[in-house]
Amino acid sequence: MDCSHCFHFLAFLILLSSAIDGIQGNAMVSGTVFCDQCKDGQISLFDYPIYGVRVMVACADSNGQITMSREETTNWLGNYAMKFYGSPDLSNCYAQVSSSDQSSNGCNIAAGPAQKLRLMFSMFDMEIYSVDSLLSQPAQPMSFCPKSPNPVPAPVIPVRPPAPVSPVLPPPPFKLPPMPKLPPLPPLPPMPPFPFLEVSACTHQNWTMLEYKCYWRAVNPDMKVAVVFGLLAARRYGTDMTLWEGLQGRGDPYKTLLREGTTALLNSYNSLEFPYNSISVVTHMNWALMGSQRSVLLTALRFIRANSGSGRATCKFTPCK
C-alpha cells in the first residue's frame, strides 16, 4: 500500500471516528436482499432489490444451538441494518430471509441460502459486518427468464436461390444549392480569473476578518472542531469548540496547533496549489495529537510556514461584496 492510500485510509478512519460521541461497544450488520426472479440462485440482469422483506441474523454455539437472533425489515432500496450492543462475537452468525411483509410483490414464496457474516472493520470497540446478497424467490420463474442454458437449435429449412433480377440503376444524386457564408463570430470576452486555481496562502488573521468571510468553503465558522478533525481532537479540545473559536487560540502549543491547522484546512479548500490538501491537514493534525509536545510544535510550525506562503505565495483575498 503506497503513501497516498495510507492517507486516504487514515482519513476514512478519522472521519468515521468523528461521528462517534463516545466509545461505545457495538456491532453493525448490513446487507441487501434481491428478488431472484429466475430462481437460478444468483443475481442476474433480471433481479432487483426488494422492499419489505424480513431478514433474521442468528448466532449459534458450538453445539448448533441458537444463542442470539434479531430481525429487521428491508427499506425501499432493499437494504437492512442491525445493531448489536456490547460488542458480541458474531463470528458464528449467519443471515437469511425469514418472511415478507409485502405479499403483493410475488417474491416471498421461497428464500435463498443463508449467508455467513464477514467482519469488515474493527476499531474503538466497534465492529462492522457485511453479508453477501440474500435472495427471495417467487413460486415460479418469470416468463421472460431463459428456459435453458443450452437451447435446441431450430431445424434448418433449405432456401431456394432467388430468381435473377435485372439491376436497377440508382437515381442521379441530388445536389443542394450552395449555402451563403456566415458572418464571422464576434471575439469572445476574456475569461474571468479562477481564484481556486491561483496560488494563495492566508494567515489566521485574514480568515478572522469579517470582510473575507465569503471565502469559507466546505466548512463554516460554527462547525465543531471534533466533527472536522475527529475523535482525538474531541478529547483534546472538547466537543463544543467551533472552528471560529479555534482560530483565536494562542499561548499554548496545542492551541497554536489547532489555530494553524484550522487555517491550513481553510487554505486547502481555497487554493488548489496550497502545499497541503484537506485530507493531509487532518492526517497531520491527528499524527501530532498522538505524539509528544515536540511533535505538536513541529507540526504547528510547518502549518505556519505554509499559511504564510513561505515567501512564494500571498493572500489573494479581496473584500466580499
Protein backbone atom coordinates (compact mmCIF):
# COMPACT_ATOMS: atom_id res chain seq x y z
CA MET A 1 0.00 0.00 0.00
CA ASP A 2 1.60 3.33 -1.06
CA CYS A 3 1.56 6.56 0.95
CA SER A 4 -1.48 8.08 -0.78
CA HIS A 5 -3.59 5.01 0.04
CA CYS A 6 -2.38 5.18 3.66
CA PHE A 7 -3.52 8.81 3.89
CA HIS A 8 -6.95 8.06 2.40
CA PHE A 9 -7.48 5.07 4.69
CA LEU A 10 -6.43 7.01 7.78
CA ALA A 11 -8.71 9.88 6.77
CA PHE A 12 -11.59 7.41 6.46
CA LEU A 13 -10.92 6.14 9.99
CA ILE A 14 -10.73 9.70 11.35
CA LEU A 15 -14.00 10.77 9.70
CA LEU A 16 -15.67 7.62 10.94
CA SER A 17 -14.47 8.19 14.48
CA SER A 18 -15.72 11.80 14.42
CA ALA A 19 -19.28 10.53 14.15
CA ILE A 20 -18.92 8.62 17.45
CA ASP A 21 -19.92 10.73 20.50
CA GLY A 22 -18.02 8.38 22.80
CA ILE A 23 -16.51 4.92 22.77
CA GLN A 24 -19.49 2.58 22.69
CA GLY A 25 -19.08 -1.11 22.18
CA ASN A 26 -21.47 -2.31 19.48
CA ALA A 27 -21.54 -4.24 16.22
CA MET A 28 -23.33 -3.28 12.98
CA VAL A 29 -24.56 -5.81 10.37
CA SER A 30 -25.80 -4.66 6.95
CA GLY A 31 -26.68 -6.18 3.58
CA THR A 32 -29.18 -6.24 0.68
CA VAL A 33 -31.98 -8.61 -0.40
CA PHE A 34 -32.70 -9.21 -4.11
CA CYS A 35 -35.71 -10.82 -5.80
CA ASP A 36 -34.35 -13.84 -7.71
CA GLN A 37 -36.98 -13.75 -10.49
CA CYS A 38 -35.43 -16.58 -12.50
CA LYS A 39 -34.83 -18.83 -9.43
CA ASP A 40 -31.29 -19.55 -10.60
CA GLY A 41 -29.72 -18.90 -7.18
CA GLN A 42 -27.64 -15.93 -8.29
CA ILE A 43 -28.04 -12.22 -9.02
CA SER A 44 -28.59 -11.55 -12.72
CA LEU A 45 -29.86 -8.82 -15.05
CA PHE A 46 -33.49 -9.68 -14.23
CA ASP A 47 -33.18 -9.34 -10.42
CA TYR A 48 -33.89 -6.22 -8.35
CA PRO A 49 -33.67 -5.12 -4.66
CA ILE A 50 -36.87 -5.97 -2.80
CA TYR A 51 -38.69 -3.92 -0.16
CA GLY A 52 -40.46 -5.16 3.00
CA VAL A 53 -38.58 -8.44 3.45
CA ARG A 54 -37.86 -9.67 6.98
CA VAL A 55 -34.21 -10.69 7.48
CA MET A 56 -33.05 -12.66 10.52
CA VAL A 57 -29.50 -12.72 11.87
CA ALA A 58 -28.96 -15.73 14.15
CA CYS A 59 -25.91 -16.88 16.13
CA ALA A 60 -25.23 -20.46 17.20
CA ASP A 61 -22.86 -22.01 19.75
CA SER A 62 -20.52 -24.96 19.15
CA ASN A 63 -23.47 -27.38 19.58
CA GLY A 64 -25.58 -25.64 16.94
CA GLN A 65 -27.99 -24.11 19.46
CA ILE A 66 -29.29 -20.61 18.68
CA THR A 67 -27.92 -18.19 21.31
CA MET A 68 -28.96 -14.86 19.84
CA SER A 69 -31.12 -13.63 16.96
CA ARG A 70 -32.55 -10.39 15.62
CA GLU A 71 -34.85 -9.42 12.73
CA GLU A 72 -35.06 -6.30 10.59
CA THR A 73 -37.10 -5.26 7.51
CA THR A 74 -35.52 -4.08 4.25
CA ASN A 75 -36.12 -0.48 3.13
CA TRP A 76 -37.17 0.79 -0.33
CA LEU A 77 -33.66 0.10 -1.66
CA GLY A 78 -33.63 -3.48 -0.37
CA ASN A 79 -31.10 -2.66 2.37
CA TYR A 80 -31.21 -3.65 6.03
CA ALA A 81 -29.03 -2.79 9.04
CA MET A 82 -28.95 -4.22 12.57
CA LYS A 83 -27.06 -3.05 15.66
CA PHE A 84 -25.89 -5.43 18.42
CA TYR A 85 -24.84 -3.69 21.62
CA GLY A 86 -21.94 -4.79 23.79
CA SER A 87 -19.52 -5.95 21.02
CA PRO A 88 -20.79 -9.57 20.85
CA ASP A 89 -18.85 -12.25 18.98
CA LEU A 90 -20.66 -12.62 15.62
CA SER A 91 -18.12 -14.96 14.01
CA ASN A 92 -20.57 -17.92 14.10
CA CYS A 93 -23.60 -15.93 12.95
CA TYR A 94 -25.48 -16.03 9.65
CA ALA A 95 -28.24 -14.05 7.93
CA GLN A 96 -31.19 -15.32 5.90
CA VAL A 97 -34.58 -14.20 4.62
CA SER A 98 -37.31 -15.15 7.10
CA SER A 99 -40.54 -13.67 5.65
CA SER A 100 -42.01 -10.80 3.59
CA ASP A 101 -44.35 -8.07 4.82
CA GLN A 102 -45.42 -7.28 1.23
CA SER A 103 -47.43 -10.26 -0.05
CA SER A 104 -48.22 -8.42 -3.29
CA ASN A 105 -44.66 -8.42 -4.58
CA GLY A 106 -44.86 -12.09 -5.60
CA CYS A 107 -41.31 -12.76 -4.49
CA ASN A 108 -41.83 -14.16 -0.99
CA ILE A 109 -42.53 -17.85 -1.63
CA ALA A 110 -39.04 -19.26 -1.10
CA ALA A 111 -35.82 -17.94 0.43
CA GLY A 112 -32.31 -18.39 -0.91
CA PRO A 113 -29.43 -19.88 1.11
CA ALA A 114 -28.24 -18.28 4.35
CA GLN A 115 -25.02 -16.21 4.23
CA LYS A 116 -22.30 -16.06 6.88
CA LEU A 117 -21.34 -12.68 8.39
CA ARG A 118 -17.95 -11.24 7.31
CA LEU A 119 -16.01 -8.84 9.56
CA MET A 120 -15.08 -5.71 7.56
CA PHE A 121 -13.89 -3.27 10.25
CA SER A 122 -12.95 -3.39 13.95
CA MET A 123 -11.73 -0.37 15.89
CA PHE A 124 -12.54 1.54 19.11
CA ASP A 125 -14.63 -1.43 20.37
CA MET A 126 -16.80 -1.07 17.25
CA GLU A 127 -17.25 -3.79 14.62
CA ILE A 128 -18.87 -3.63 11.18
CA TYR A 129 -20.01 -6.82 9.43
CA SER A 130 -21.27 -7.26 5.88
CA VAL A 131 -23.33 -10.05 4.35
CA ASP A 132 -23.34 -11.31 0.77
CA SER A 133 -26.61 -10.51 -1.01
CA LEU A 134 -29.60 -12.58 0.15
CA LEU A 135 -32.22 -13.91 -2.28
CA SER A 136 -36.01 -14.14 -2.08
CA GLN A 137 -37.75 -16.15 -4.82
CA PRO A 138 -41.23 -16.37 -6.43
CA ALA A 139 -43.18 -19.60 -6.81
CA GLN A 140 -42.21 -20.00 -10.49
CA PRO A 141 -39.59 -18.32 -12.68
CA MET A 142 -40.83 -15.34 -14.65
CA SER A 143 -41.87 -15.92 -18.27
CA PHE A 144 -39.07 -13.73 -19.65
CA CYS A 145 -36.32 -15.81 -17.99
CA PRO A 146 -34.10 -18.04 -20.17
CA LYS A 147 -35.62 -21.53 -20.45
CA SER A 148 -32.38 -23.47 -20.74
CA PRO A 149 -28.67 -22.64 -20.90
CA ASN A 150 -28.32 -24.99 -23.94
CA PRO A 151 -31.39 -24.47 -26.16
CA VAL A 152 -32.07 -26.92 -29.03
CA PRO A 153 -31.26 -25.27 -32.38
CA ALA A 154 -34.17 -24.74 -34.73
CA PRO A 155 -34.34 -27.02 -37.81
CA VAL A 156 -32.65 -25.65 -40.89
CA ILE A 157 -35.07 -25.14 -43.82
CA PRO A 158 -33.42 -25.12 -47.25
CA VAL A 159 -33.91 -21.84 -49.07
CA ARG A 160 -34.21 -21.75 -52.84
CA PRO A 161 -31.96 -19.25 -54.55
CA PRO A 162 -33.91 -16.18 -55.72
CA ALA A 163 -34.67 -15.64 -59.33
CA PRO A 164 -32.25 -13.33 -61.12
CA VAL A 165 -33.37 -9.73 -61.13
CA SER A 166 -32.22 -7.14 -63.59
CA PRO A 167 -30.13 -4.43 -61.92
CA VAL A 168 -31.86 -1.15 -61.14
CA LEU A 169 -29.80 1.95 -61.74
CA PRO A 170 -29.80 4.47 -58.86
CA PRO A 171 -31.26 7.90 -59.47
CA PRO A 172 -28.84 10.76 -60.16
CA PRO A 173 -27.50 12.36 -56.99
CA PHE A 174 -29.33 15.41 -55.74
CA LYS A 175 -27.16 18.48 -55.18
CA LEU A 176 -28.09 21.22 -52.77
CA PRO A 177 -27.58 24.81 -53.82
CA PRO A 178 -24.52 26.48 -52.29
CA MET A 179 -25.16 27.95 -48.84
CA PRO A 180 -24.29 31.60 -48.19
CA LYS A 181 -21.26 32.24 -46.00
CA LEU A 182 -21.97 33.03 -42.38
CA PRO A 183 -20.60 36.26 -40.89
CA PRO A 184 -17.58 35.85 -38.60
CA LEU A 185 -18.32 35.37 -34.93
CA PRO A 186 -17.50 38.25 -32.58
CA PRO A 187 -14.45 37.75 -30.37
CA LEU A 188 -15.16 36.13 -27.00
CA PRO A 189 -14.62 38.23 -23.86
CA PRO A 190 -11.63 37.27 -21.71
CA MET A 191 -12.31 34.57 -19.14
CA PRO A 192 -12.62 35.76 -15.54
CA PRO A 193 -9.84 34.67 -13.17
CA PHE A 194 -10.30 31.47 -11.18
CA PRO A 195 -9.16 32.16 -7.58
CA PHE A 196 -9.22 28.44 -6.77
CA LEU A 197 -6.52 27.80 -9.40
CA GLU A 198 -4.26 30.58 -8.12
CA VAL A 199 -1.53 30.08 -5.53
CA SER A 200 -2.86 31.65 -2.33
CA ALA A 201 -1.90 31.35 1.34
CA CYS A 202 -3.61 33.40 4.07
CA THR A 203 -2.86 33.67 7.79
CA HIS A 204 -5.34 33.15 10.59
CA GLN A 205 -5.67 36.95 10.93
CA ASN A 206 -7.04 37.09 7.36
CA TRP A 207 -9.52 34.28 7.99
CA THR A 208 -10.96 36.04 11.10
CA MET A 209 -11.68 39.30 9.24
CA LEU A 210 -15.41 39.73 8.53
CA GLU A 211 -14.85 41.20 5.04
CA TYR A 212 -13.32 37.84 3.94
CA LYS A 213 -15.99 35.59 5.42
CA CYS A 214 -17.31 34.66 1.95
CA TYR A 215 -14.11 32.63 1.34
CA TRP A 216 -15.13 29.96 3.88
CA ARG A 217 -15.78 26.91 1.69
CA ALA A 218 -16.84 23.33 2.62
CA VAL A 219 -16.81 24.28 6.32
CA ASN A 220 -18.39 27.19 8.20
CA PRO A 221 -17.24 29.06 11.34
CA ASP A 222 -19.84 27.36 13.57
CA MET A 223 -18.78 23.77 12.75
CA LYS A 224 -17.35 21.83 15.68
CA VAL A 225 -13.64 21.05 15.86
CA ALA A 226 -14.49 17.49 16.93
CA VAL A 227 -16.59 16.93 13.79
CA VAL A 228 -13.93 18.25 11.40
CA PHE A 229 -10.76 16.75 12.95
CA GLY A 230 -12.12 13.64 14.65
CA LEU A 231 -12.03 11.77 17.95
CA LEU A 232 -8.51 12.77 19.04
CA ALA A 233 -9.34 16.45 18.60
CA ALA A 234 -12.56 15.94 20.58
CA ARG A 235 -10.57 14.51 23.51
CA ARG A 236 -8.08 17.38 23.45
CA TYR A 237 -10.35 20.39 22.71
CA GLY A 238 -13.78 19.14 23.79
CA THR A 239 -16.93 18.65 21.73
CA ASP A 240 -18.28 22.24 21.92
CA MET A 241 -15.37 24.28 20.47
CA THR A 242 -16.07 25.75 17.00
CA LEU A 243 -13.62 26.41 14.18
CA TRP A 244 -14.03 30.17 14.73
CA GLU A 245 -13.00 29.77 18.39
CA GLY A 246 -10.10 27.56 17.35
CA LEU A 247 -8.72 30.40 15.19
CA GLN A 248 -8.38 32.56 18.34
CA GLY A 249 -6.06 30.13 20.20
CA ARG A 250 -2.60 31.28 21.32
CA GLY A 251 -0.12 30.92 24.20
CA ASP A 252 -0.25 27.11 24.28
CA PRO A 253 1.31 24.57 21.84
CA TYR A 254 -1.97 22.65 21.40
CA LYS A 255 -3.99 25.85 20.87
CA THR A 256 -1.40 27.03 18.36
CA LEU A 257 -1.62 23.68 16.54
CA LEU A 258 -5.43 23.96 16.33
CA ARG A 259 -5.25 27.59 15.12
CA GLU A 260 -2.74 26.88 12.36
CA GLY A 261 -4.29 23.51 11.44
CA THR A 262 -7.70 25.17 11.00
CA THR A 263 -6.06 27.92 8.91
CA ALA A 264 -4.30 25.32 6.73
CA LEU A 265 -7.60 23.45 6.22
CA LEU A 266 -9.32 26.66 5.06
CA ASN A 267 -6.41 27.46 2.72
CA SER A 268 -6.55 23.94 1.24
CA TYR A 269 -10.22 24.45 0.31
CA ASN A 270 -9.47 27.93 -1.10
CA SER A 271 -6.40 27.17 -3.29
CA LEU A 272 -5.60 24.08 -5.33
CA GLU A 273 -1.88 24.94 -5.20
CA PHE A 274 -1.70 25.08 -1.38
CA PRO A 275 1.05 22.70 -0.08
CA TYR A 276 -1.46 20.62 1.95
CA ASN A 277 -4.77 19.19 0.74
CA SER A 278 -7.67 18.82 3.17
CA ILE A 279 -7.03 15.13 3.89
CA SER A 280 -3.34 15.65 4.64
CA VAL A 281 -4.17 18.54 7.01
CA VAL A 282 -6.48 16.30 9.06
CA THR A 283 -3.92 13.47 8.94
CA HIS A 284 -1.02 15.64 10.17
CA MET A 285 -3.22 17.10 12.92
CA ASN A 286 -4.04 13.66 14.29
CA TRP A 287 -0.45 12.43 14.00
CA ALA A 288 0.66 15.41 16.07
CA LEU A 289 -2.07 14.85 18.70
CA MET A 290 -0.92 11.22 19.06
CA GLY A 291 2.72 12.27 19.53
CA SER A 292 4.72 14.30 22.01
CA GLN A 293 4.59 18.05 22.67
CA ARG A 294 7.64 18.43 20.42
CA SER A 295 5.69 16.80 17.59
CA VAL A 296 2.84 19.25 18.24
CA LEU A 297 5.20 22.25 17.98
CA LEU A 298 6.90 20.96 14.80
CA THR A 299 3.56 20.35 13.06
CA ALA A 300 2.28 23.80 14.12
CA LEU A 301 5.47 25.43 12.72
CA ARG A 302 5.07 23.61 9.39
CA PHE A 303 1.46 24.83 9.16
CA ILE A 304 2.57 28.41 9.99
CA ARG A 305 5.18 28.28 7.21
CA ALA A 306 2.60 27.06 4.67
CA ASN A 307 -0.05 29.58 5.81
CA SER A 308 2.39 32.48 5.43
CA GLY A 309 3.25 31.43 1.85
CA SER A 310 6.93 30.62 2.58
CA GLY A 311 7.92 33.71 0.59
CA ARG A 312 6.45 32.30 -2.64
CA ALA A 313 2.68 32.98 -2.26
CA THR A 314 0.49 35.78 -0.98
CA CYS A 315 -3.10 36.02 0.18
CA LYS A 316 -5.35 36.61 -2.83
CA PHE A 317 -8.37 37.80 -0.83
CA THR A 318 -10.50 40.74 -1.97
CA PRO A 319 -13.28 42.15 0.24
CA CYS A 320 -16.58 40.29 -0.16
CA LYS A 321 -19.47 42.15 -1.78
